[in-house]
């Protein structure tokens, strides 16, 4: 962990260590972390939301789903739609 003053005076060293894959913590109160741009890009890629939802969906569990037919009419239907049906 670097103090802010030390990190300022040894910025080249902080950056060199971050680029070598070692995140550098700066500050003691509300600290910040310096990482390489490559590590940051990897973190941004992460798991696609759709894949996360598929992976975290319950598997092998019987679920009672309600009927898809609604007793209510379609609130967006116009009079023309109901006449054609």
Protein backbone atom coordinates (compact mmCIF):
# COMPACT_ATOMS: atom_id res chain seq x y z
CA UNK A 1 0.00 0.00 0.00
CA UNK A 2 1.33 3.38 -1.00
CA UNK A 3 0.72 6.67 0.73
CA UNK A 4 -0.50 9.33 -1.69
CA UNK A 5 2.73 11.28 -1.23
CA UNK A 6 4.91 8.21 -1.93
CA UNK A 7 2.81 7.26 -4.96
CA UNK A 8 3.23 10.77 -6.37
CA UNK A 9 6.98 10.74 -5.92
CA UNK A 10 7.35 7.17 -7.25
CA UNK A 11 4.68 7.18 -9.94
CA UNK A 12 6.90 5.35 -12.44
CA UNK A 13 7.37 2.51 -9.95
CA UNK A 14 3.63 2.36 -9.20
CA UNK A 15 2.86 2.14 -12.93
CA UNK A 16 5.57 -0.46 -13.57
CA UNK A 17 4.21 -2.71 -10.83
CA UNK A 18 0.62 -2.26 -12.04
CA UNK A 19 1.65 -3.17 -15.60
CA UNK A 20 3.35 -6.31 -14.30
CA UNK A 21 -0.01 -7.53 -13.02
CA UNK A 22 0.23 -6.40 -9.41
CA UNK A 23 -2.59 -3.98 -8.51
CA UNK A 24 -1.28 -1.03 -6.49
CA UNK A 25 -3.31 0.35 -3.59
CA UNK A 26 -2.87 4.06 -2.96
CA UNK A 27 -4.11 5.84 0.16
CA UNK A 28 -5.28 4.64 3.53
CA UNK A 29 -8.62 6.40 3.88
CA UNK A 30 -10.88 5.60 0.95
CA UNK A 31 -8.01 3.93 -0.98
CA UNK A 32 -7.84 3.62 -4.76
CA UNK A 33 -6.32 0.87 -6.87
CA UNK A 34 -4.12 1.30 -9.95
CA UNK A 35 -4.29 -1.55 -12.47
CA UNK A 36 -3.01 -1.90 -16.01
CA UNK A 37 -5.21 -0.99 -18.97
CA UNK A 38 -5.12 -4.65 -20.06
CA UNK A 39 -6.46 -5.81 -16.68
CA UNK A 40 -9.15 -3.13 -16.82
CA UNK A 41 -10.24 -4.24 -20.31
CA UNK A 42 -10.47 -7.85 -19.14
CA UNK A 43 -12.64 -6.82 -16.20
CA UNK A 44 -14.98 -4.91 -18.53
CA UNK A 45 -15.51 -7.93 -20.78
CA UNK A 46 -16.75 -10.15 -17.96
CA UNK A 47 -19.75 -12.38 -18.51
CA UNK A 48 -22.47 -11.29 -20.91
CA UNK A 49 -25.73 -10.58 -19.06
CA UNK A 50 -27.67 -13.10 -21.14
CA UNK A 51 -25.15 -15.83 -20.40
CA UNK A 52 -25.24 -14.97 -16.70
CA UNK A 53 -29.03 -15.31 -16.65
CA UNK A 54 -28.90 -18.67 -18.45
CA UNK A 55 -26.18 -19.95 -16.13
CA UNK A 56 -27.98 -18.82 -12.97
CA UNK A 57 -31.46 -20.04 -13.94
CA UNK A 58 -32.87 -22.81 -11.74
CA UNK A 59 -32.28 -26.24 -13.26
CA UNK A 60 -34.12 -29.46 -12.52
CA UNK A 61 -36.85 -27.74 -10.53
CA UNK A 62 -40.51 -28.31 -11.39
CA UNK A 63 -42.28 -24.99 -11.62
CA UNK A 64 -46.01 -24.41 -11.79
CA UNK A 65 -46.43 -21.61 -14.29
CA UNK A 66 -49.72 -19.75 -14.60
CA UNK A 67 -51.71 -20.05 -17.80
CA UNK A 68 -50.64 -17.65 -20.51
CA UNK A 69 -54.26 -16.88 -21.31
CA UNK A 70 -55.42 -13.79 -19.56
CA UNK A 71 -58.99 -13.26 -18.44
CA UNK A 72 -58.57 -9.59 -19.17
CA UNK A 73 -58.75 -8.20 -22.65
CA UNK A 74 -55.75 -6.76 -24.43
CA UNK A 75 -55.47 -3.17 -23.16
CA UNK A 76 -53.66 -2.17 -26.35
CA UNK A 77 -56.19 -3.63 -28.78
CA UNK A 78 -58.23 -1.22 -30.83
CA UNK A 79 -61.86 -1.74 -31.82
CA UNK A 80 -60.63 -2.83 -35.27
CA UNK A 81 -58.50 -5.60 -33.71
CA UNK A 82 -61.39 -7.07 -31.74
CA UNK A 83 -63.71 -7.00 -34.76
CA UNK A 84 -61.16 -8.90 -36.89
CA UNK A 85 -60.71 -11.62 -34.25
